Amino acid sequence: MVAQTVRLYRELPIGVRQFLMKSLLMLSGWLAIYHLLLKPLRFPDRQLTQLVINSTVYLLNAFGLDATSKGLWVYIGNKFTVGVADQCNGLELMVLFVGFLLAIHGSIKSKLWYIFAGTLLIYVLNVLRCAGLAYMNLIDAPLTDFAHHYAFKLVIYAVIFLMWYVYSKKHKAQ
């Protein structure tokens, strides 16, 4: 089994092997740093989660809803509408997006621009997702659970894939 895997790996084009090795090394490094150092301190989770909560409240208020937050919870009026846990703050998606960009070839300048724009877009989409879920919970929409677990995730992953696609096509054309 191992010998077959090694043989298949060696048959891959060099660019694919380099991508896989960079990805594996970055993933291993990120997981070690995150779980050993950052997660116990809730850094940057605490700050990012609070930023998502504050932005969600701001957006809901911009639409004329009386939104407030208490801890990790968002209320509209006096009704609890959504909670934002660290797992919902978008950090994993941002790391996934950035990791892919760092693993493929391209200029530092181009990568930095895409990293900035992409992480900002992921953040904005996540705030829209949280605000949408809060509103759906407010009106007791029957599809709230489906939207939370499937529809919003599909949209965000599709946007991330599209950003990767655009970057890789642009880089390939250069």
Protein backbone atom coordinates (compact mmCIF):
# COMPACT_ATOMS: atom_id res chain seq x y z
CA MET A 1 0.00 0.00 0.00
CA VAL A 2 2.75 2.47 0.96
CA ALA A 3 4.91 1.42 -1.99
CA GLN A 4 1.97 1.92 -4.35
CA THR A 5 1.30 5.38 -2.91
CA VAL A 6 4.96 6.35 -3.29
CA ARG A 7 4.97 5.08 -6.88
CA LEU A 8 1.83 7.07 -7.70
CA TYR A 9 3.33 10.16 -6.07
CA ARG A 10 6.49 9.86 -8.18
CA GLU A 11 4.39 9.63 -11.34
CA LEU A 12 2.81 13.02 -10.65
CA PRO A 13 4.18 16.04 -12.51
CA ILE A 14 6.83 17.95 -10.52
CA GLY A 15 4.57 21.00 -10.13
CA VAL A 16 1.83 18.91 -8.56
CA ARG A 17 4.32 17.23 -6.22
CA GLN A 18 5.70 20.63 -5.15
CA PHE A 19 2.17 21.90 -4.52
CA LEU A 20 1.30 18.82 -2.45
CA MET A 21 4.51 19.04 -0.39
CA LYS A 22 4.11 22.78 0.27
CA SER A 23 0.48 22.22 1.21
CA LEU A 24 1.30 19.35 3.56
CA LEU A 25 4.10 21.30 5.25
CA MET A 26 1.99 24.43 5.65
CA LEU A 27 -0.99 22.46 6.95
CA SER A 28 1.18 20.62 9.47
CA GLY A 29 2.82 23.87 10.57
CA TRP A 30 -0.50 25.70 10.88
CA LEU A 31 -2.12 22.89 12.87
CA ALA A 32 0.83 22.70 15.25
CA ILE A 33 1.01 26.46 15.79
CA TYR A 34 -2.77 26.84 16.08
CA HIS A 35 -3.45 23.96 18.46
CA LEU A 36 -0.33 24.33 20.61
CA LEU A 37 -0.02 28.12 20.82
CA LEU A 38 -2.95 30.08 19.45
CA LYS A 39 -6.05 28.08 20.35
CA PRO A 40 -5.27 27.88 24.10
CA LEU A 41 -5.04 31.69 24.10
CA ARG A 42 -8.07 32.02 21.76
CA PHE A 43 -5.87 34.19 19.53
CA PRO A 44 -6.90 35.38 16.97
CA ASP A 45 -10.24 33.61 17.50
CA ARG A 46 -11.45 35.86 20.32
CA GLN A 47 -10.75 39.04 18.36
CA LEU A 48 -12.11 37.74 15.04
CA THR A 49 -15.24 36.30 16.64
CA GLN A 50 -15.95 39.59 18.40
CA LEU A 51 -15.35 41.50 15.17
CA VAL A 52 -17.83 39.25 13.33
CA ILE A 53 -20.40 39.73 16.12
CA ASN A 54 -19.95 43.53 16.15
CA SER A 55 -20.17 43.72 12.35
CA THR A 56 -23.26 41.52 12.32
CA VAL A 57 -24.96 43.79 14.86
CA TYR A 58 -23.92 46.87 12.86
CA LEU A 59 -25.30 45.40 9.62
CA LEU A 60 -28.60 44.39 11.22
CA ASN A 61 -28.96 47.88 12.72
CA ALA A 62 -28.20 49.42 9.31
CA PHE A 63 -31.32 47.60 8.07
CA GLY A 64 -33.40 49.12 10.85
CA LEU A 65 -33.41 46.17 13.22
CA ASP A 66 -32.78 46.73 16.92
CA ALA A 67 -29.74 44.44 17.21
CA THR A 68 -27.47 44.08 20.22
CA SER A 69 -24.91 41.57 21.40
CA LYS A 70 -24.21 39.96 24.74
CA GLY A 71 -21.08 37.84 24.78
CA LEU A 72 -21.20 35.53 21.78
CA TRP A 73 -24.93 36.07 21.22
CA VAL A 74 -26.76 38.41 18.86
CA TYR A 75 -30.24 39.62 19.75
CA ILE A 76 -32.81 41.47 17.70
CA GLY A 77 -35.09 43.24 20.11
CA ASN A 78 -35.12 40.88 23.05
CA LYS A 79 -35.03 37.73 20.95
CA PHE A 80 -31.87 35.62 20.71
CA THR A 81 -31.19 35.16 17.01
CA VAL A 82 -27.70 33.78 16.52
CA GLY A 83 -24.60 32.77 18.40
CA VAL A 84 -21.15 33.11 16.88
CA ALA A 85 -18.67 30.53 18.15
CA ASP A 86 -14.98 30.57 17.31
CA GLN A 87 -15.63 27.82 14.74
CA CYS A 88 -17.99 30.23 12.93
CA ASN A 89 -15.65 33.22 12.66
CA GLY A 90 -14.24 32.31 9.23
CA LEU A 91 -10.63 31.83 10.34
CA GLU A 92 -10.38 28.28 8.98
CA LEU A 93 -11.71 29.43 5.60
CA MET A 94 -9.24 32.31 5.51
CA VAL A 95 -6.34 29.99 6.36
CA LEU A 96 -7.47 27.51 3.70
CA PHE A 97 -7.68 30.29 1.11
CA VAL A 98 -4.29 31.77 2.01
CA GLY A 99 -2.63 28.35 2.19
CA PHE A 100 -3.68 27.52 -1.35
CA LEU A 101 -2.33 30.81 -2.66
CA LEU A 102 0.98 30.33 -0.86
CA ALA A 103 1.32 26.78 -2.22
CA ILE A 104 1.06 27.74 -5.90
CA HIS A 105 3.49 29.75 -7.97
CA GLY A 106 3.06 33.48 -8.35
CA SER A 107 4.60 36.79 -7.49
CA ILE A 108 4.59 38.00 -3.89
CA LYS A 109 2.85 41.23 -4.94
CA SER A 110 0.03 39.38 -6.68
CA LYS A 111 -0.34 36.92 -3.81
CA LEU A 112 -0.48 39.70 -1.22
CA TRP A 113 -3.20 41.50 -3.17
CA TYR A 114 -5.28 38.32 -3.52
CA ILE A 115 -4.71 37.39 0.15
CA PHE A 116 -5.93 40.82 1.27
CA ALA A 117 -8.91 40.92 -1.09
CA GLY A 118 -9.82 37.28 -0.53
CA THR A 119 -9.70 37.34 3.26
CA LEU A 120 -11.70 40.57 3.28
CA LEU A 121 -14.31 39.01 0.99
CA ILE A 122 -14.50 35.87 3.14
CA TYR A 123 -14.97 38.07 6.21
CA VAL A 124 -17.75 40.12 4.55
CA LEU A 125 -19.51 36.96 3.34
CA ASN A 126 -19.32 35.53 6.85
CA VAL A 127 -20.86 38.67 8.36
CA LEU A 128 -23.63 38.52 5.74
CA ARG A 129 -24.14 34.85 6.63
CA CYS A 130 -24.43 35.61 10.35
CA ALA A 131 -26.80 38.52 9.74
CA GLY A 132 -28.88 36.39 7.38
CA LEU A 133 -29.10 33.61 9.95
CA ALA A 134 -30.04 36.10 12.66
CA TYR A 135 -32.86 37.48 10.51
CA MET A 136 -34.04 34.00 9.52
CA ASN A 137 -34.18 33.02 13.20
CA LEU A 138 -36.06 36.24 13.99
CA ILE A 139 -38.84 35.42 11.53
CA ASP A 140 -38.69 31.67 12.31
CA ALA A 141 -37.90 30.83 8.70
CA PRO A 142 -38.36 27.10 8.13
CA LEU A 143 -35.16 26.78 6.10
CA THR A 144 -32.84 28.35 8.68
CA ASP A 145 -31.15 25.07 9.57
CA PHE A 146 -30.70 24.18 5.89
CA ALA A 147 -29.30 27.65 5.17
CA HIS A 148 -26.86 27.39 8.08
CA HIS A 149 -25.56 23.91 7.36
CA TYR A 150 -25.70 23.79 3.56
CA ALA A 151 -26.71 26.85 1.53
CA PHE A 152 -24.41 29.45 3.09
CA LYS A 153 -21.48 27.02 3.17
CA LEU A 154 -22.03 26.20 -0.50
CA VAL A 155 -21.98 29.89 -1.41
CA ILE A 156 -18.83 30.64 0.58
CA TYR A 157 -16.93 27.59 -0.72
CA ALA A 158 -18.02 28.42 -4.28
CA VAL A 159 -16.70 31.98 -3.92
CA ILE A 160 -13.40 30.69 -2.49
CA PHE A 161 -13.06 28.20 -5.34
CA LEU A 162 -13.84 30.98 -7.85
CA MET A 163 -11.15 33.22 -6.31
CA TRP A 164 -8.62 30.37 -6.54
CA TYR A 165 -9.65 29.71 -10.12
CA VAL A 166 -9.32 33.37 -11.13
CA TYR A 167 -5.92 33.63 -9.45
CA SER A 168 -4.57 30.44 -11.03
CA LYS A 169 -5.85 31.41 -14.49
CA LYS A 170 -4.41 34.92 -14.21
CA HIS A 171 -1.08 33.56 -13.01
CA LYS A 172 -1.01 30.92 -15.75
CA ALA A 173 -1.61 33.60 -18.39
CA GLN A 174 1.41 35.62 -17.22
